């Protein structure tokens, strides 16, 4: 199958491209290199430097490459920035995504797999008795930021295209994904930010009290979820997380042990839009896609530190 991976030069997208190539698929990568890096693209993939907001350029890719399926990873994904610049975020995450969906329909694509978000779509999951957690696909979505609202909006577009035009889709609601190739700047998560700072001996910062919990899932597990979704007949929304809540203080402590870091973190005010707790029930993905995470948190963090250490050694 010839599969288009948008954002395929980025952190998650490049791992998806690797998994698809390894499975024997033909891979075409589209990325504007805003946060992605050309060297992340697998040698076996065809690369086009295109912004998904450029419909004409995207259309040329579809016509030239004869795309059969899509793994849509490209997005602006910084929660805080989405609150400061909602228009640009909507232009990329909603309008750009609709360009792809229209082209998928026009070219008869077999499947459209979309990188959605668990934490940002479900919003505030915290309750004193924990009754709302973990989130299932039946949990009521309630985004607290524009990024999550963008992702939820496009999920609705996917479903209405399925109902009206028969365009098959899977929306994968991601947890907090971490691992090699994650940039410690820009849209990075705490694992990449902490690891880079610790290896350089720089100060680290934790927002709030650090007791907020997340579902940390290794990037290769997420890449495999995309492969299984593309190859399956499943249609709909699927959580893909470990189902294990881990607080930020714990992540900092484990990474400090792995890196030999001895400084205490600085605690700073929690920003607007940040949820208190979120983790995902992925039993539906286990049942329908045959997916479950394989890499433990400790092993994933160890691999991540090794990668960052090697990058630092290379200068």
C-alpha atoms as a PDB file:
ATOM      1  CA  UNK A   1       0.000   0.000   0.000  1.00  0.00           C
ATOM      2  CA  UNK A   2       1.260   3.499  -0.796  1.00  0.00           C
ATOM      3  CA  UNK A   3       0.773   5.588   2.323  1.00  0.00           C
ATOM      4  CA  UNK A   4       1.151   9.326   2.795  1.00  0.00           C
ATOM      5  CA  UNK A   5       2.595  10.299   6.187  1.00  0.00           C
ATOM      6  CA  UNK A   6       2.099  13.972   6.936  1.00  0.00           C
ATOM      7  CA  UNK A   7       4.556  15.381   9.445  1.00  0.00           C
ATOM      8  CA  UNK A   8       6.790  12.430   8.590  1.00  0.00           C
ATOM      9  CA  UNK A   9       9.979  14.363   9.310  1.00  0.00           C
ATOM     10  CA  UNK A  10       8.831  15.067  12.842  1.00  0.00           C
ATOM     11  CA  UNK A  11       9.099  13.180  16.100  1.00  0.00           C
ATOM     12  CA  UNK A  12       6.136  10.806  15.938  1.00  0.00           C
ATOM     13  CA  UNK A  13       5.660  10.959  12.174  1.00  0.00           C
ATOM     14  CA  UNK A  14       9.180   9.735  11.405  1.00  0.00           C
ATOM     15  CA  UNK A  15       8.694   6.728  13.692  1.00  0.00           C
ATOM     16  CA  UNK A  16       5.400   6.003  11.922  1.00  0.00           C
ATOM     17  CA  UNK A  17       7.195   6.206   8.576  1.00  0.00           C
ATOM     18  CA  UNK A  18       9.875   3.811   9.859  1.00  0.00           C
ATOM     19  CA  UNK A  19       7.247   1.295  10.998  1.00  0.00           C
ATOM     20  CA  UNK A  20       5.414   1.442   7.668  1.00  0.00           C
ATOM     21  CA  UNK A  21       8.612   0.973   5.656  1.00  0.00           C
ATOM     22  CA  UNK A  22       9.609  -1.967   7.862  1.00  0.00           C
ATOM     23  CA  UNK A  23       6.197  -3.541   7.222  1.00  0.00           C
ATOM     24  CA  UNK A  24       6.768  -3.364   3.461  1.00  0.00           C
ATOM     25  CA  UNK A  25       4.599  -0.385   2.565  1.00  0.00           C
ATOM     26  CA  UNK A  26       5.557   2.373   0.141  1.00  0.00           C
ATOM     27  CA  UNK A  27       5.835   5.611   2.107  1.00  0.00           C
ATOM     28  CA  UNK A  28       5.482   9.190   0.917  1.00  0.00           C
ATOM     29  CA  UNK A  29       6.324  11.895   3.463  1.00  0.00           C
ATOM     30  CA  UNK A  30       4.945  15.428   3.433  1.00  0.00           C
ATOM     31  CA  UNK A  31       6.432  17.912   5.910  1.00  0.00           C
ATOM     32  CA  UNK A  32       7.060  21.662   5.881  1.00  0.00           C
ATOM     33  CA  UNK A  33      10.095  21.177   8.186  1.00  0.00           C
ATOM     34  CA  UNK A  34       8.731  23.746  10.642  1.00  0.00           C
ATOM     35  CA  UNK A  35       9.665  21.456  13.525  1.00  0.00           C
ATOM     36  CA  UNK A  36      10.647  18.324  11.581  1.00  0.00           C
ATOM     37  CA  UNK A  37      14.096  17.416  10.299  1.00  0.00           C
ATOM     38  CA  UNK A  38      14.879  16.039   6.843  1.00  0.00           C
ATOM     39  CA  UNK A  39      17.317  13.497   8.301  1.00  0.00           C
ATOM     40  CA  UNK A  40      14.465  11.867  10.245  1.00  0.00           C
ATOM     41  CA  UNK A  41      12.792  10.705   7.006  1.00  0.00           C
ATOM     42  CA  UNK A  42      13.574   7.063   6.156  1.00  0.00           C
ATOM     43  CA  UNK A  43      15.828   6.623   3.115  1.00  0.00           C
ATOM     44  CA  UNK A  44      13.223   4.356   1.536  1.00  0.00           C
ATOM     45  CA  UNK A  45      10.511   7.048   1.684  1.00  0.00           C
ATOM     46  CA  UNK A  46       9.779   9.712  -0.915  1.00  0.00           C
ATOM     47  CA  UNK A  47       9.885  13.229   0.546  1.00  0.00           C
ATOM     48  CA  UNK A  48       7.943  16.372  -0.426  1.00  0.00           C
ATOM     49  CA  UNK A  49       8.484  19.634   1.446  1.00  0.00           C
ATOM     50  CA  UNK A  50       4.886  20.847   1.537  1.00  0.00           C
ATOM     51  CA  UNK A  51       2.740  22.716   4.057  1.00  0.00           C
ATOM     52  CA  UNK A  52      -0.682  21.098   4.509  1.00  0.00           C
ATOM     53  CA  UNK A  53      -2.277  24.542   4.253  1.00  0.00           C
ATOM     54  CA  UNK A  54      -1.157  24.619   0.588  1.00  0.00           C
ATOM     55  CA  UNK A  55      -3.987  22.705  -1.078  1.00  0.00           C
ATOM     56  CA  UNK A  56      -2.563  22.992  -4.598  1.00  0.00           C
ATOM     57  CA  UNK A  57       0.810  21.597  -3.559  1.00  0.00           C
ATOM     58  CA  UNK A  58      -0.904  18.765  -1.695  1.00  0.00           C
ATOM     59  CA  UNK A  59      -3.038  17.989  -4.733  1.00  0.00           C
ATOM     60  CA  UNK A  60       0.088  17.656  -6.869  1.00  0.00           C
ATOM     61  CA  UNK A  61       1.499  15.133  -4.391  1.00  0.00           C
ATOM     62  CA  UNK A  62      -1.688  13.049  -4.560  1.00  0.00           C
ATOM     63  CA  UNK A  63      -1.707  13.129  -8.360  1.00  0.00           C
ATOM     64  CA  UNK A  64       1.990  12.332  -8.679  1.00  0.00           C
ATOM     65  CA  UNK A  65       2.184   9.604  -6.032  1.00  0.00           C
ATOM     66  CA  UNK A  66      -1.202   7.854  -6.354  1.00  0.00           C
ATOM     67  CA  UNK A  67      -1.772   7.833  -2.598  1.00  0.00           C
ATOM     68  CA  UNK A  68      -3.877   4.931  -1.247  1.00  0.00           C
ATOM     69  CA  UNK A  69      -3.992   5.712   2.489  1.00  0.00           C
ATOM     70  CA  UNK A  70      -3.020   8.506   4.887  1.00  0.00           C
ATOM     71  CA  UNK A  71      -1.381   8.676   8.308  1.00  0.00           C
ATOM     72  CA  UNK A  72      -1.977  12.287   9.300  1.00  0.00           C
ATOM     73  CA  UNK A  73       0.552  13.332  11.948  1.00  0.00           C
ATOM     74  CA  UNK A  74       1.213  16.947  10.914  1.00  0.00           C
ATOM     75  CA  UNK A  75      -0.046  19.551  13.386  1.00  0.00           C
ATOM     76  CA  UNK A  76       0.780  22.497  15.547  1.00  0.00           C
ATOM     77  CA  UNK A  77       0.764  20.869  18.966  1.00  0.00           C
ATOM     78  CA  UNK A  78       1.787  23.321  21.680  1.00  0.00           C
ATOM     79  CA  UNK A  79      -1.103  23.711  24.124  1.00  0.00           C
ATOM     80  CA  UNK A  80       0.127  27.018  25.500  1.00  0.00           C
ATOM     81  CA  UNK A  81       0.818  28.505  22.064  1.00  0.00           C
ATOM     82  CA  UNK A  82      -2.654  27.437  20.901  1.00  0.00           C
ATOM     83  CA  UNK A  83      -4.152  29.695  23.556  1.00  0.00           C
ATOM     84  CA  UNK A  84      -2.084  32.631  22.318  1.00  0.00           C
ATOM     85  CA  UNK A  85      -2.593  32.111  18.568  1.00  0.00           C
ATOM     86  CA  UNK A  86      -5.877  30.257  17.994  1.00  0.00           C
ATOM     87  CA  UNK A  87      -6.271  31.408  14.385  1.00  0.00           C
ATOM     88  CA  UNK A  88      -3.000  29.930  13.137  1.00  0.00           C
ATOM     89  CA  UNK A  89      -3.690  26.734  15.057  1.00  0.00           C
ATOM     90  CA  UNK A  90      -7.089  26.375  13.408  1.00  0.00           C
ATOM     91  CA  UNK A  91      -5.626  27.100   9.970  1.00  0.00           C
ATOM     92  CA  UNK A  92      -3.153  24.238  10.330  1.00  0.00           C
ATOM     93  CA  UNK A  93      -5.016  21.715  12.472  1.00  0.00           C
ATOM     94  CA  UNK A  94      -8.516  22.128  11.029  1.00  0.00           C
ATOM     95  CA  UNK A  95      -8.295  23.743   7.577  1.00  0.00           C
ATOM     96  CA  UNK A  96      -5.069  21.965   6.620  1.00  0.00           C
ATOM     97  CA  UNK A  97      -6.548  18.664   7.765  1.00  0.00           C
ATOM     98  CA  UNK A  98      -9.703  19.290   5.722  1.00  0.00           C
ATOM     99  CA  UNK A  99      -7.543  19.803   2.622  1.00  0.00           C
ATOM    100  CA  UNK A 100      -6.193  16.296   3.192  1.00  0.00           C
ATOM    101  CA  UNK A 101      -9.626  14.819   3.833  1.00  0.00           C
ATOM    102  CA  UNK A 102     -11.049  16.337   0.658  1.00  0.00           C
ATOM    103  CA  UNK A 103      -8.120  14.980  -1.349  1.00  0.00           C
ATOM    104  CA  UNK A 104      -8.507  11.564   0.278  1.00  0.00           C
ATOM    105  CA  UNK A 105     -12.136  11.518  -0.816  1.00  0.00           C
ATOM    106  CA  UNK A 106     -11.326  12.717  -4.337  1.00  0.00           C
ATOM    107  CA  UNK A 107      -8.610  10.081  -4.814  1.00  0.00           C
ATOM    108  CA  UNK A 108     -10.491   7.175  -3.234  1.00  0.00           C
ATOM    109  CA  UNK A 109      -8.049   6.591  -0.373  1.00  0.00           C
ATOM    110  CA  UNK A 110      -8.567   3.309   1.440  1.00  0.00           C
ATOM    111  CA  UNK A 111      -8.083   4.658   4.981  1.00  0.00           C
ATOM    112  CA  UNK A 112      -7.425   7.924   6.811  1.00  0.00           C
ATOM    113  CA  UNK A 113      -5.636   7.533  10.160  1.00  0.00           C
ATOM    114  CA  UNK A 114      -5.567  10.687  12.256  1.00  0.00           C
ATOM    115  CA  UNK A 115      -3.274  11.573  15.151  1.00  0.00           C
ATOM    116  CA  UNK A 116      -5.681  12.986  17.709  1.00  0.00           C
ATOM    117  CA  UNK A 117      -5.054  13.612  21.402  1.00  0.00           C
ATOM    118  CA  UNK A 118      -6.368  11.948  24.510  1.00  0.00           C
ATOM    119  CA  UNK A 119      -5.293  14.432  27.139  1.00  0.00           C
ATOM    120  CA  UNK A 120      -6.348  17.586  25.287  1.00  0.00           C
ATOM    121  CA  UNK A 121      -9.647  16.240  23.879  1.00  0.00           C
ATOM    122  CA  UNK A 122     -10.948  14.868  27.188  1.00  0.00           C
ATOM    123  CA  UNK A 123      -9.841  17.936  29.092  1.00  0.00           C
ATOM    124  CA  UNK A 124      -9.906  17.958  32.863  1.00  0.00           C
ATOM    125  CA  UNK A 125      -9.976  14.413  34.121  1.00  0.00           C
ATOM    126  CA  UNK A 126      -9.347  15.113  37.771  1.00  0.00           C
ATOM    127  CA  UNK A 127     -11.882  14.284  40.460  1.00  0.00           C
ATOM    128  CA  UNK A 128     -11.278  13.553  44.115  1.00  0.00           C
ATOM    129  CA  UNK A 129     -12.531   9.965  43.909  1.00  0.00           C
ATOM    130  CA  UNK A 130     -11.012   9.317  40.459  1.00  0.00           C
ATOM    131  CA  UNK A 131     -14.418   8.360  39.081  1.00  0.00           C
ATOM    132  CA  UNK A 132     -13.808   9.950  35.683  1.00  0.00           C
ATOM    133  CA  UNK A 133     -10.522   8.167  35.100  1.00  0.00           C
ATOM    134  CA  UNK A 134      -9.217   6.453  33.106  1.00  0.00           C
ATOM    135  CA  UNK A 135     -10.883   7.944  30.051  1.00  0.00           C
ATOM    136  CA  UNK A 136     -12.637   5.647  27.609  1.00  0.00           C
ATOM    137  CA  UNK A 137     -13.809   6.560  24.129  1.00  0.00           C
ATOM    138  CA  UNK A 138     -17.253   7.044  25.656  1.00  0.00           C
ATOM    139  CA  UNK A 139     -16.010   9.726  28.065  1.00  0.00           C
ATOM    140  CA  UNK A 140     -17.459  13.143  27.376  1.00  0.00           C
ATOM    141  CA  UNK A 141     -14.887  15.336  25.548  1.00  0.00           C
ATOM    142  CA  UNK A 142     -14.307  18.712  27.150  1.00  0.00           C
ATOM    143  CA  UNK A 143     -11.148  20.442  25.794  1.00  0.00           C
ATOM    144  CA  UNK A 144      -9.546  23.173  27.875  1.00  0.00           C
ATOM    145  CA  UNK A 145      -7.346  24.542  25.082  1.00  0.00           C
ATOM    146  CA  UNK A 146      -7.557  25.402  21.388  1.00  0.00           C
ATOM    147  CA  UNK A 147      -5.288  22.547  20.363  1.00  0.00           C
ATOM    148  CA  UNK A 148      -7.673  19.996  21.877  1.00  0.00           C
ATOM    149  CA  UNK A 149     -10.665  21.790  20.353  1.00  0.00           C
ATOM    150  CA  UNK A 150      -8.976  21.611  16.921  1.00  0.00           C
ATOM    151  CA  UNK A 151      -8.421  17.879  17.225  1.00  0.00           C
ATOM    152  CA  UNK A 152     -11.962  17.207  18.417  1.00  0.00           C
ATOM    153  CA  UNK A 153     -13.382  19.304  15.597  1.00  0.00           C
ATOM    154  CA  UNK A 154     -11.550  17.255  12.991  1.00  0.00           C
ATOM    155  CA  UNK A 155     -12.694  14.004  14.567  1.00  0.00           C
ATOM    156  CA  UNK A 156     -16.253  15.144  13.860  1.00  0.00           C
ATOM    157  CA  UNK A 157     -15.296  15.950  10.262  1.00  0.00           C
ATOM    158  CA  UNK A 158     -13.845  12.462   9.852  1.00  0.00           C
ATOM    159  CA  UNK A 159     -17.030  10.851  11.100  1.00  0.00           C
ATOM    160  CA  UNK A 160     -19.318  12.913   8.887  1.00  0.00           C
ATOM    161  CA  UNK A 161     -17.166  12.064   5.822  1.00  0.00           C
ATOM    162  CA  UNK A 162     -17.531   8.408   6.763  1.00  0.00           C
ATOM    163  CA  UNK A 163     -21.300   8.730   7.137  1.00  0.00           C
ATOM    164  CA  UNK A 164     -21.806  10.700   3.934  1.00  0.00           C
ATOM    165  CA  UNK A 165     -19.037   9.475   1.622  1.00  0.00           C
ATOM    166  CA  UNK A 166     -17.882   6.156   3.086  1.00  0.00           C
ATOM    167  CA  UNK A 167     -14.373   7.498   3.804  1.00  0.00           C
ATOM    168  CA  UNK A 168     -12.984   5.024   6.365  1.00  0.00           C
ATOM    169  CA  UNK A 169     -10.996   6.484   9.236  1.00  0.00           C
ATOM    170  CA  UNK A 170      -9.392   5.787  12.568  1.00  0.00           C
ATOM    171  CA  UNK A 171      -8.721   8.624  15.013  1.00  0.00           C
ATOM    172  CA  UNK A 172      -6.022   7.586  17.468  1.00  0.00           C
ATOM    173  CA  UNK A 173      -6.226   9.550  20.691  1.00  0.00           C
ATOM    174  CA  UNK A 174      -2.623   9.807  21.810  1.00  0.00           C
ATOM    175  CA  UNK A 175      -1.412  10.034  25.410  1.00  0.00           C
ATOM    176  CA  UNK A 176       1.851  11.851  26.303  1.00  0.00           C
ATOM    177  CA  UNK A 177       4.193  10.366  23.727  1.00  0.00           C
ATOM    178  CA  UNK A 178       7.936  10.400  24.387  1.00  0.00           C
ATOM    179  CA  UNK A 179      11.110   8.894  22.980  1.00  0.00           C
ATOM    180  CA  UNK A 180      14.051   9.434  20.614  1.00  0.00           C
ATOM    181  CA  UNK A 181      13.899  12.339  18.123  1.00  0.00           C
ATOM    182  CA  UNK A 182      11.622  14.440  20.301  1.00  0.00           C
ATOM    183  CA  UNK A 183      12.897  18.014  20.194  1.00  0.00           C
ATOM    184  CA  UNK A 184      13.587  19.487  23.620  1.00  0.00           C
ATOM    185  CA  UNK A 185      12.452  22.895  22.333  1.00  0.00           C
ATOM    186  CA  UNK A 186       9.223  24.167  20.826  1.00  0.00           C
ATOM    187  CA  UNK A 187       6.401  21.633  21.141  1.00  0.00           C
ATOM    188  CA  UNK A 188       8.370  19.179  23.288  1.00  0.00           C
ATOM    189  CA  UNK A 189       6.994  17.206  26.207  1.00  0.00           C
ATOM    190  CA  UNK A 190       8.488  17.097  29.684  1.00  0.00           C
ATOM    191  CA  UNK A 191      10.569  13.968  29.066  1.00  0.00           C
ATOM    192  CA  UNK A 192      12.542  15.627  26.273  1.00  0.00           C
ATOM    193  CA  UNK A 193      12.790  18.949  28.120  1.00  0.00           C
ATOM    194  CA  UNK A 194      13.990  17.363  31.368  1.00  0.00           C
ATOM    195  CA  UNK A 195      16.415  14.972  29.657  1.00  0.00           C
ATOM    196  CA  UNK A 196      18.128  17.645  27.596  1.00  0.00           C
ATOM    197  CA  UNK A 197      18.466  19.989  30.571  1.00  0.00           C
ATOM    198  CA  UNK A 198      19.745  17.287  32.896  1.00  0.00           C
ATOM    199  CA  UNK A 199      22.400  16.049  30.488  1.00  0.00           C
ATOM    200  CA  UNK A 200      23.639  19.615  30.116  1.00  0.00           C
ATOM    201  CA  UNK A 201      23.561  20.221  33.863  1.00  0.00           C
ATOM    202  CA  UNK A 202      21.013  23.011  33.442  1.00  0.00           C
ATOM    203  CA  UNK A 203      18.147  23.934  35.827  1.00  0.00           C
ATOM    204  CA  UNK A 204      14.784  22.201  35.388  1.00  0.00           C
ATOM    205  CA  UNK A 205      11.315  23.613  35.968  1.00  0.00           C
ATOM    206  CA  UNK A 206       8.089  21.873  36.960  1.00  0.00           C
ATOM    207  CA  UNK A 207       4.751  23.639  36.567  1.00  0.00           C
ATOM    208  CA  UNK A 208       2.371  23.622  39.525  1.00  0.00           C
ATOM    209  CA  UNK A 209       3.144  21.102  42.268  1.00  0.00           C
ATOM    210  CA  UNK A 210       4.291  18.357  39.879  1.00  0.00           C
ATOM    211  CA  UNK A 211       1.574  16.003  41.086  1.00  0.00           C
ATOM    212  CA  UNK A 212      -0.386  16.288  37.831  1.00  0.00           C
ATOM    213  CA  UNK A 213      -0.539  12.864  36.166  1.00  0.00           C
ATOM    214  CA  UNK A 214      -0.139  11.819  32.544  1.00  0.00           C
ATOM    215  CA  UNK A 215      -0.161   8.624  30.494  1.00  0.00           C
ATOM    216  CA  UNK A 216       3.415   8.364  29.173  1.00  0.00           C
ATOM    217  CA  UNK A 217       3.670   6.027  26.165  1.00  0.00           C
ATOM    218  CA  UNK A 218       6.776   5.199  24.131  1.00  0.00           C
ATOM    219  CA  UNK A 219       6.829   6.437  20.558  1.00  0.00           C
ATOM    220  CA  UNK A 220       7.466   3.057  18.920  1.00  0.00           C
ATOM    221  CA  UNK A 221       4.277   1.728  20.521  1.00  0.00           C
ATOM    222  CA  UNK A 222       2.374   4.661  19.004  1.00  0.00           C
ATOM    223  CA  UNK A 223       3.938   4.028  15.590  1.00  0.00           C
ATOM    224  CA  UNK A 224       2.767   0.412  15.755  1.00  0.00           C
ATOM    225  CA  UNK A 225      -0.760   1.592  16.578  1.00  0.00           C
ATOM    226  CA  UNK A 226      -0.748   3.590  13.332  1.00  0.00           C
ATOM    227  CA  UNK A 227       0.425   0.572  11.350  1.00  0.00           C
ATOM    228  CA  UNK A 228      -2.288  -1.655  12.823  1.00  0.00           C
ATOM    229  CA  UNK A 229      -4.963   0.987  12.231  1.00  0.00           C
ATOM    230  CA  UNK A 230      -3.963   1.383   8.587  1.00  0.00           C
ATOM    231  CA  UNK A 231      -3.963  -2.355   7.973  1.00  0.00           C
ATOM    232  CA  UNK A 232      -7.248  -3.044   9.790  1.00  0.00           C
ATOM    233  CA  UNK A 233     -10.876  -2.671   8.762  1.00  0.00           C
ATOM    234  CA  UNK A 234     -11.650  -0.816  11.999  1.00  0.00           C
ATOM    235  CA  UNK A 235     -13.415   2.552  11.860  1.00  0.00           C
ATOM    236  CA  UNK A 236     -13.775   5.051  14.695  1.00  0.00           C
ATOM    237  CA  UNK A 237     -11.983   6.570  17.670  1.00  0.00           C
ATOM    238  CA  UNK A 238      -9.381   4.636  19.664  1.00  0.00           C
ATOM    239  CA  UNK A 239      -7.385   5.479  22.766  1.00  0.00           C
ATOM    240  CA  UNK A 240      -3.778   4.292  22.562  1.00  0.00           C
ATOM    241  CA  UNK A 241      -2.120   4.682  25.974  1.00  0.00           C
ATOM    242  CA  UNK A 242      -0.668   2.575  28.737  1.00  0.00           C
ATOM    243  CA  UNK A 243      -3.538   3.247  31.125  1.00  0.00           C
ATOM    244  CA  UNK A 244      -0.985   3.975  33.854  1.00  0.00           C
ATOM    245  CA  UNK A 245      -0.948   7.462  35.433  1.00  0.00           C
ATOM    246  CA  UNK A 246       2.486   8.843  36.296  1.00  0.00           C
ATOM    247  CA  UNK A 247       3.052  12.225  37.894  1.00  0.00           C
ATOM    248  CA  UNK A 248       5.608  14.758  36.696  1.00  0.00           C
ATOM    249  CA  UNK A 249       7.637  14.570  39.903  1.00  0.00           C
ATOM    250  CA  UNK A 250       8.133  10.842  39.297  1.00  0.00           C
ATOM    251  CA  UNK A 251       9.283  11.422  35.724  1.00  0.00           C
ATOM    252  CA  UNK A 252      11.783  13.989  36.970  1.00  0.00           C
ATOM    253  CA  UNK A 253      13.061  11.610  39.646  1.00  0.00           C
ATOM    254  CA  UNK A 254      13.565   8.657  37.258  1.00  0.00           C
ATOM    255  CA  UNK A 255      15.302  10.805  34.659  1.00  0.00           C
ATOM    256  CA  UNK A 256      17.543  12.316  37.330  1.00  0.00           C
ATOM    257  CA  UNK A 257      18.627   8.802  38.326  1.00  0.00           C
ATOM    258  CA  UNK A 258      19.279   7.815  34.705  1.00  0.00           C
ATOM    259  CA  UNK A 259      21.300  10.950  33.954  1.00  0.00           C
ATOM    260  CA  UNK A 260      23.051  11.391  37.308  1.00  0.00           C
ATOM    261  CA  UNK A 261      21.374  14.767  37.780  1.00  0.00           C
ATOM    262  CA  UNK A 262      21.517  16.164  41.312  1.00  0.00           C
ATOM    263  CA  UNK A 263      19.855  19.588  41.159  1.00  0.00           C
ATOM    264  CA  UNK A 264      16.368  20.134  42.579  1.00  0.00           C
ATOM    265  CA  UNK A 265      13.680  21.375  40.152  1.00  0.00           C
ATOM    266  CA  UNK A 266      12.217  24.856  40.323  1.00  0.00           C
ATOM    267  CA  UNK A 267       8.428  24.914  40.718  1.00  0.00           C
ATOM    268  CA  UNK A 268       6.677  27.571  38.613  1.00  0.00           C
ATOM    269  CA  UNK A 269       2.992  28.544  38.170  1.00  0.00           C
ATOM    270  CA  UNK A 270       0.809  26.194  36.164  1.00  0.00           C
ATOM    271  CA  UNK A 271      -0.174  27.714  32.770  1.00  0.00           C
ATOM    272  CA  UNK A 272      -3.676  28.234  31.389  1.00  0.00           C
ATOM    273  CA  UNK A 273      -5.090  25.152  29.671  1.00  0.00           C
ATOM    274  CA  UNK A 274      -3.046  22.541  31.527  1.00  0.00           C
ATOM    275  CA  UNK A 275      -5.159  19.676  32.876  1.00  0.00           C
ATOM    276  CA  UNK A 276      -4.606  18.105  36.280  1.00  0.00           C
ATOM    277  CA  UNK A 277      -4.847  14.433  35.389  1.00  0.00           C
ATOM    278  CA  UNK A 278      -5.353  12.227  32.377  1.00  0.00           C
ATOM    279  CA  UNK A 279      -4.766   8.619  31.432  1.00  0.00           C
ATOM    280  CA  UNK A 280      -6.414   6.355  28.893  1.00  0.00           C
ATOM    281  CA  UNK A 281      -8.279   3.054  28.831  1.00  0.00           C
ATOM    282  CA  UNK A 282      -7.121   1.380  25.597  1.00  0.00           C
ATOM    283  CA  UNK A 283      -9.070  -1.861  25.854  1.00  0.00           C
ATOM    284  CA  UNK A 284     -10.991  -1.016  22.653  1.00  0.00           C
ATOM    285  CA  UNK A 285      -7.710  -0.778  20.696  1.00  0.00           C
ATOM    286  CA  UNK A 286      -6.595  -4.061  22.234  1.00  0.00           C
ATOM    287  CA  UNK A 287      -9.832  -5.724  21.135  1.00  0.00           C
ATOM    288  CA  UNK A 288     -10.245  -4.246  17.641  1.00  0.00           C
ATOM    289  CA  UNK A 289      -6.686  -3.480  16.540  1.00  0.00           C
ATOM    290  CA  UNK A 290      -4.723  -6.071  18.485  1.00  0.00           C
ATOM    291  CA  UNK A 291      -2.659  -3.248  19.978  1.00  0.00           C
ATOM    292  CA  UNK A 292      -1.204  -2.864  23.414  1.00  0.00           C
ATOM    293  CA  UNK A 293       1.940  -1.077  24.629  1.00  0.00           C
ATOM    294  CA  UNK A 294       5.063  -3.219  24.805  1.00  0.00           C
ATOM    295  CA  UNK A 295       7.716  -0.850  26.190  1.00  0.00           C
ATOM    296  CA  UNK A 296       7.681  -0.150  29.929  1.00  0.00           C
ATOM    297  CA  UNK A 297       8.147   3.388  31.248  1.00  0.00           C
ATOM    298  CA  UNK A 298      11.545   2.570  32.761  1.00  0.00           C
ATOM    299  CA  UNK A 299      12.798   0.967  29.541  1.00  0.00           C
ATOM    300  CA  UNK A 300      11.406   3.748  27.369  1.00  0.00           C
ATOM    301  CA  UNK A 301      13.010   6.450  29.499  1.00  0.00           C
ATOM    302  CA  UNK A 302      16.328   4.572  29.432  1.00  0.00           C
ATOM    303  CA  UNK A 303      16.250   4.401  25.609  1.00  0.00           C
ATOM    304  CA  UNK A 304      15.326   8.071  25.445  1.00  0.00           C
ATOM    305  CA  UNK A 305      18.217   9.131  27.678  1.00  0.00           C
ATOM    306  CA  UNK A 306      20.628   7.016  25.614  1.00  0.00           C
ATOM    307  CA  UNK A 307      19.473   8.739  22.427  1.00  0.00           C
ATOM    308  CA  UNK A 308      19.783  12.235  23.898  1.00  0.00           C
ATOM    309  CA  UNK A 309      23.201  11.399  25.316  1.00  0.00           C
ATOM    310  CA  UNK A 310      24.386  10.226  21.881  1.00  0.00           C
ATOM    311  CA  UNK A 311      23.043  13.397  20.263  1.00  0.00           C
ATOM    312  CA  UNK A 312      24.850  15.547  22.815  1.00  0.00           C
ATOM    313  CA  UNK A 313      28.113  13.646  22.188  1.00  0.00           C
ATOM    314  CA  UNK A 314      27.789  14.367  18.453  1.00  0.00           C
ATOM    315  CA  UNK A 315      27.499  18.089  19.219  1.00  0.00           C
END
